Amino acid sequence: MYTLLQTNDITFMRNAFINLAVSLFVLTEPAPEIEIQDKDMDPILLGPVKAVPPKWTIWDKIVIDGPMTFRQLIDHLKTKFDVDVNIITSNNLTLIQTFQPSNKARLDIKIEDFYRQNEKYPLGENVKYLVLEISADTKDGATALMPLFQYNFKC
């Protein structure tokens, strides 16, 4: 704690783990955070990928204040990040798939209203945001890798 109060430099940080049951004493140093980079060929997605925004880490999130409809969110992401949204999910619930004709009616529904109607576990009164995972493509055809989104529907 003293090191943290004196500096935020990662080179001074250490971690100690002691297990007296097996006579184990381990000292570790934290690694720098890994930045998500653009790739010409991703072996998992079998194509090019682009980090949106550039060089984000797993600790990053994008905060969006609502309330919004799906159309407003998709337009906001198109304007701010220049991406075409394909799928929006939250807590293993697919909220919208923009390429499905049957999902076009959802575009003018508020995101939190659709979530409340279709989730088997209701949102509590004190819940103020949803965590959204968004799948999108860039204008040059690459898959956009984006951090999680915190969609605040109660401000």
Protein backbone atom coordinates (compact mmCIF):
# COMPACT_ATOMS: atom_id res chain seq x y z
CA MET A 1 0.00 0.00 0.00
CA TYR A 2 2.89 2.35 0.75
CA THR A 3 4.29 1.85 -2.74
CA LEU A 4 0.90 2.58 -4.27
CA LEU A 5 0.58 5.78 -2.25
CA GLN A 6 4.08 6.92 -3.19
CA THR A 7 4.05 6.11 -6.90
CA ASN A 8 1.88 4.66 -9.63
CA ASP A 9 4.90 3.35 -11.56
CA ILE A 10 4.42 -0.34 -12.40
CA THR A 11 8.14 -1.08 -12.03
CA PHE A 12 7.84 -0.54 -8.26
CA MET A 13 4.83 -2.83 -7.78
CA ARG A 14 5.23 -6.34 -6.32
CA ASN A 15 2.92 -9.08 -5.13
CA ALA A 16 3.65 -11.73 -2.50
CA PHE A 17 1.77 -14.99 -2.01
CA ILE A 18 2.46 -17.13 1.04
CA ASN A 19 1.00 -20.61 1.59
CA LEU A 20 2.22 -22.08 4.86
CA ALA A 21 0.52 -25.43 4.25
CA VAL A 22 2.94 -26.35 1.46
CA SER A 23 5.84 -24.03 2.39
CA LEU A 24 5.34 -21.82 -0.66
CA PHE A 25 6.50 -18.22 -0.91
CA VAL A 26 6.12 -16.53 -4.31
CA LEU A 27 7.00 -12.98 -5.35
CA THR A 28 5.63 -11.67 -8.63
CA GLU A 29 5.79 -8.48 -10.64
CA PRO A 30 2.79 -7.24 -12.64
CA ALA A 31 3.07 -7.24 -16.41
CA PRO A 32 2.19 -4.14 -18.40
CA GLU A 33 -1.34 -4.11 -19.77
CA ILE A 34 -1.80 -5.63 -23.20
CA GLU A 35 -3.08 -3.27 -25.88
CA ILE A 36 -5.38 -4.63 -28.57
CA GLN A 37 -3.71 -4.08 -31.93
CA ASP A 38 -4.85 -4.11 -35.57
CA LYS A 39 -4.02 -7.31 -37.48
CA ASP A 40 -3.98 -8.00 -41.20
CA MET A 41 -4.97 -11.63 -40.58
CA ASP A 42 -6.49 -12.90 -37.34
CA PRO A 43 -6.26 -16.72 -37.08
CA ILE A 44 -9.48 -16.98 -35.07
CA LEU A 45 -11.70 -14.64 -37.09
CA LEU A 46 -9.96 -15.61 -40.37
CA GLY A 47 -9.67 -12.07 -41.61
CA PRO A 48 -8.44 -8.58 -40.79
CA VAL A 49 -9.32 -6.98 -37.45
CA LYS A 50 -9.13 -3.39 -36.30
CA ALA A 51 -9.00 -2.11 -32.71
CA VAL A 52 -11.72 0.50 -32.18
CA PRO A 53 -10.68 2.77 -30.46
CA PRO A 54 -6.97 2.18 -31.21
CA LYS A 55 -4.82 0.44 -28.59
CA TRP A 56 -7.55 -0.23 -26.02
CA THR A 57 -6.97 -2.68 -23.17
CA ILE A 58 -9.22 -5.18 -21.39
CA TRP A 59 -9.51 -2.66 -18.55
CA ASP A 60 -11.14 -0.06 -20.81
CA LYS A 61 -14.86 0.47 -21.31
CA ILE A 62 -16.90 2.92 -23.32
CA VAL A 63 -19.61 4.76 -21.41
CA ILE A 64 -22.77 5.75 -23.28
CA ASP A 65 -25.49 7.78 -21.58
CA GLY A 66 -29.08 7.01 -22.52
CA PRO A 67 -31.90 6.38 -22.64
CA MET A 68 -31.63 5.48 -26.33
CA THR A 69 -33.37 3.37 -28.89
CA PHE A 70 -31.38 0.78 -30.84
CA ARG A 71 -31.43 3.09 -33.88
CA GLN A 72 -29.99 6.00 -31.84
CA LEU A 73 -27.23 3.78 -30.44
CA ILE A 74 -26.33 2.38 -33.85
CA ASP A 75 -26.25 5.90 -35.34
CA HIS A 76 -24.14 7.14 -32.41
CA LEU A 77 -21.57 4.36 -32.95
CA LYS A 78 -21.54 5.03 -36.70
CA THR A 79 -20.87 8.73 -36.09
CA LYS A 80 -18.33 8.36 -33.28
CA PHE A 81 -16.38 5.24 -34.35
CA ASP A 82 -17.34 4.84 -38.05
CA VAL A 83 -18.48 1.22 -37.60
CA ASP A 84 -21.46 -0.75 -38.88
CA VAL A 85 -23.11 -2.61 -35.98
CA ASN A 86 -24.08 -6.25 -36.59
CA ILE A 87 -25.07 -7.64 -33.19
CA ILE A 88 -25.71 -6.18 -29.72
CA THR A 89 -25.82 -8.55 -26.74
CA SER A 90 -26.06 -8.21 -22.97
CA ASN A 91 -25.78 -10.99 -20.36
CA ASN A 92 -26.05 -13.80 -22.95
CA LEU A 93 -29.21 -12.20 -24.41
CA THR A 94 -29.04 -11.16 -28.04
CA LEU A 95 -30.75 -7.79 -28.15
CA ILE A 96 -30.61 -7.12 -31.88
CA GLN A 97 -29.10 -8.51 -35.06
CA THR A 98 -29.17 -5.73 -37.64
CA PHE A 99 -28.81 -8.10 -40.59
CA GLN A 100 -32.01 -10.02 -39.69
CA PRO A 101 -35.16 -8.62 -41.35
CA SER A 102 -37.23 -9.78 -38.37
CA ASN A 103 -35.21 -7.49 -36.07
CA LYS A 104 -36.04 -4.27 -37.97
CA ALA A 105 -39.06 -3.65 -35.71
CA ARG A 106 -36.72 -3.45 -32.70
CA LEU A 107 -34.84 -0.40 -34.00
CA ASP A 108 -37.26 2.10 -32.44
CA ILE A 109 -37.56 0.36 -29.04
CA LYS A 110 -35.56 1.61 -26.07
CA ILE A 111 -32.75 -0.79 -25.25
CA GLU A 112 -33.66 -1.16 -21.57
CA ASP A 113 -37.34 -1.76 -22.40
CA PHE A 114 -36.49 -4.60 -24.78
CA TYR A 115 -34.09 -6.06 -22.22
CA ARG A 116 -36.77 -6.00 -19.51
CA GLN A 117 -39.30 -7.73 -21.79
CA ASN A 118 -36.98 -10.55 -22.81
CA GLU A 119 -34.63 -11.29 -19.90
CA LYS A 120 -35.61 -14.10 -17.56
CA TYR A 121 -33.96 -12.34 -14.61
CA PRO A 122 -35.58 -8.91 -14.11
CA LEU A 123 -33.54 -5.76 -13.60
CA GLY A 124 -33.66 -4.48 -10.05
CA GLU A 125 -34.81 -0.96 -9.25
CA ASN A 126 -31.26 0.05 -8.31
CA VAL A 127 -29.74 -1.10 -11.63
CA LYS A 128 -28.68 1.95 -13.62
CA TYR A 129 -26.79 0.46 -16.56
CA LEU A 130 -26.39 -2.52 -18.86
CA VAL A 131 -23.11 -3.97 -20.07
CA LEU A 132 -23.30 -4.31 -23.84
CA GLU A 133 -21.11 -6.35 -26.15
CA ILE A 134 -21.19 -4.99 -29.67
CA SER A 135 -20.08 -6.78 -32.81
CA ALA A 136 -19.34 -4.47 -35.73
CA ASP A 137 -17.40 -4.05 -38.97
CA THR A 138 -15.31 -1.13 -40.15
CA LYS A 139 -15.89 0.63 -43.47
CA ASP A 140 -12.93 -1.23 -45.03
CA GLY A 141 -14.47 -4.63 -44.20
CA ALA A 142 -12.37 -5.51 -41.14
CA THR A 143 -13.95 -6.83 -37.97
CA ALA A 144 -13.98 -4.13 -35.29
CA LEU A 145 -12.66 -5.28 -31.90
CA MET A 146 -14.21 -3.02 -29.27
CA PRO A 147 -14.20 -2.96 -25.46
CA LEU A 148 -17.35 -3.50 -23.43
CA PHE A 149 -19.91 -0.71 -23.39
CA GLN A 150 -21.56 0.63 -20.23
CA TYR A 151 -24.97 1.83 -21.34
CA ASN A 152 -26.36 4.13 -18.64
CA PHE A 153 -30.14 4.26 -18.96
CA LYS A 154 -30.66 5.98 -15.61
CA CYS A 155 -28.60 9.11 -15.08
